Amino acid sequence: MKKSGLYIAIGVIVFIGMVVYSTLGLRRHRVEVCMEFNGRTNCRTAAGETPERARTAAIQNACALISSGVGDSIACQNKPPVSMKTLD
C-alpha cells in the first residue's frame, strides 16, 4: 500500500511540474498594441508562444473594448495597429 501512495505522489508532482513548465513556456513573447477604431483608442499587452500570437491576442483584447458587436470587432481587428512595442 505504501508503494502505491509513493507512485501517486510522484505522479502528481510530475504532472504539476509539466503544467507549470508548459504554462510558462507559452509566454515567451510579450507585445503591447494600441488600436484606434471609430475615434476611440485602446492599448493592451498580451503574451504568446510566438510574436504573431502575442500580437493577435493584444489586437483582439484592445478591439474588444473599443468596438461593439461582432462586425465592429472584426473591422477593428483588420485595421493596422496605431503602435506596437515588443516587451521581450
Protein backbone atom coordinates (compact mmCIF):
# COMPACT_ATOMS: atom_id res chain seq x y z
CA MET A 1 0.00 0.00 0.00
CA LYS A 2 2.86 2.39 0.76
CA LYS A 3 4.43 1.89 -2.71
CA SER A 4 1.24 2.86 -4.50
CA GLY A 5 0.98 6.03 -2.42
CA LEU A 6 4.55 6.92 -3.30
CA TYR A 7 3.87 6.36 -7.01
CA ILE A 8 0.77 8.54 -6.83
CA ALA A 9 2.70 11.32 -5.08
CA ILE A 10 5.48 11.18 -7.70
CA GLY A 11 2.88 11.22 -10.48
CA VAL A 12 1.16 14.28 -9.01
CA ILE A 13 4.47 16.12 -8.64
CA VAL A 14 5.47 15.32 -12.22
CA PHE A 15 2.06 16.42 -13.50
CA ILE A 16 2.23 19.74 -11.64
CA GLY A 17 5.76 20.29 -12.93
CA MET A 18 4.64 19.68 -16.52
CA VAL A 19 1.70 22.08 -16.17
CA VAL A 20 3.91 24.85 -14.73
CA TYR A 21 6.59 24.32 -17.39
CA SER A 22 4.14 24.34 -20.28
CA THR A 23 2.30 27.39 -18.93
CA LEU A 24 5.46 29.43 -18.51
CA GLY A 25 6.75 28.33 -21.90
CA LEU A 26 3.72 29.80 -23.69
CA ARG A 27 4.56 33.31 -22.56
CA ARG A 28 7.89 33.77 -24.28
CA HIS A 29 6.88 36.87 -26.24
CA ARG A 30 5.06 39.96 -24.95
CA VAL A 31 3.65 42.69 -27.15
CA GLU A 32 1.85 45.95 -26.44
CA VAL A 33 -0.52 47.10 -29.20
CA CYS A 34 -2.57 50.30 -29.49
CA MET A 35 -5.64 50.23 -31.73
CA GLU A 36 -7.88 53.05 -32.92
CA PHE A 37 -11.45 52.50 -34.08
CA ASN A 38 -14.32 54.95 -34.54
CA GLY A 39 -12.39 57.71 -32.76
CA ARG A 40 -11.59 55.56 -29.72
CA THR A 41 -8.11 54.31 -28.81
CA ASN A 42 -7.10 51.46 -26.52
CA CYS A 43 -3.77 49.81 -25.74
CA ARG A 44 -3.37 46.26 -24.48
CA THR A 45 -0.48 43.94 -23.64
CA ALA A 46 -0.60 40.22 -24.40
CA ALA A 47 1.78 37.27 -24.30
CA GLY A 48 2.13 34.23 -26.53
CA GLU A 49 4.45 31.49 -27.65
CA THR A 50 5.23 33.41 -30.86
CA PRO A 51 5.33 37.16 -31.54
CA GLU A 52 2.46 36.80 -34.01
CA ARG A 53 0.20 35.07 -31.46
CA ALA A 54 1.02 37.71 -28.85
CA ARG A 55 0.26 40.47 -31.40
CA THR A 56 -3.04 38.85 -32.40
CA ALA A 57 -4.13 38.46 -28.77
CA ALA A 58 -3.24 42.07 -27.97
CA ILE A 59 -5.19 43.33 -31.01
CA GLN A 60 -8.23 41.25 -30.07
CA ASN A 61 -8.12 42.49 -26.46
CA ALA A 62 -7.75 46.14 -27.49
CA CYS A 63 -10.54 45.92 -30.04
CA ALA A 64 -12.89 44.21 -27.59
CA LEU A 65 -13.05 47.37 -25.50
CA ILE A 66 -13.46 49.94 -28.29
CA SER A 67 -15.85 48.15 -30.64
CA SER A 68 -19.41 46.95 -30.21
CA GLY A 69 -20.70 43.82 -31.83
CA VAL A 70 -19.10 41.19 -33.99
CA GLY A 71 -18.97 43.30 -37.16
CA ASP A 72 -17.22 46.21 -35.47
CA SER A 73 -14.83 43.85 -33.70
CA ILE A 74 -13.80 42.22 -36.98
CA ALA A 75 -13.44 45.62 -38.68
CA CYS A 76 -11.26 46.85 -35.81
CA GLN A 77 -9.05 43.75 -35.88
CA ASN A 78 -8.50 44.16 -39.63
CA LYS A 79 -7.04 47.65 -39.17
CA PRO A 80 -3.28 48.09 -38.63
CA PRO A 81 -2.23 48.95 -35.08
CA VAL A 82 -1.55 52.62 -34.27
CA SER A 83 1.54 51.48 -32.37
CA MET A 84 3.19 48.23 -31.35
CA LYS A 85 6.00 47.56 -28.86
CA THR A 86 7.78 44.27 -28.24
CA LEU A 87 8.29 43.78 -24.49
CA ASP A 88 10.55 40.71 -24.51
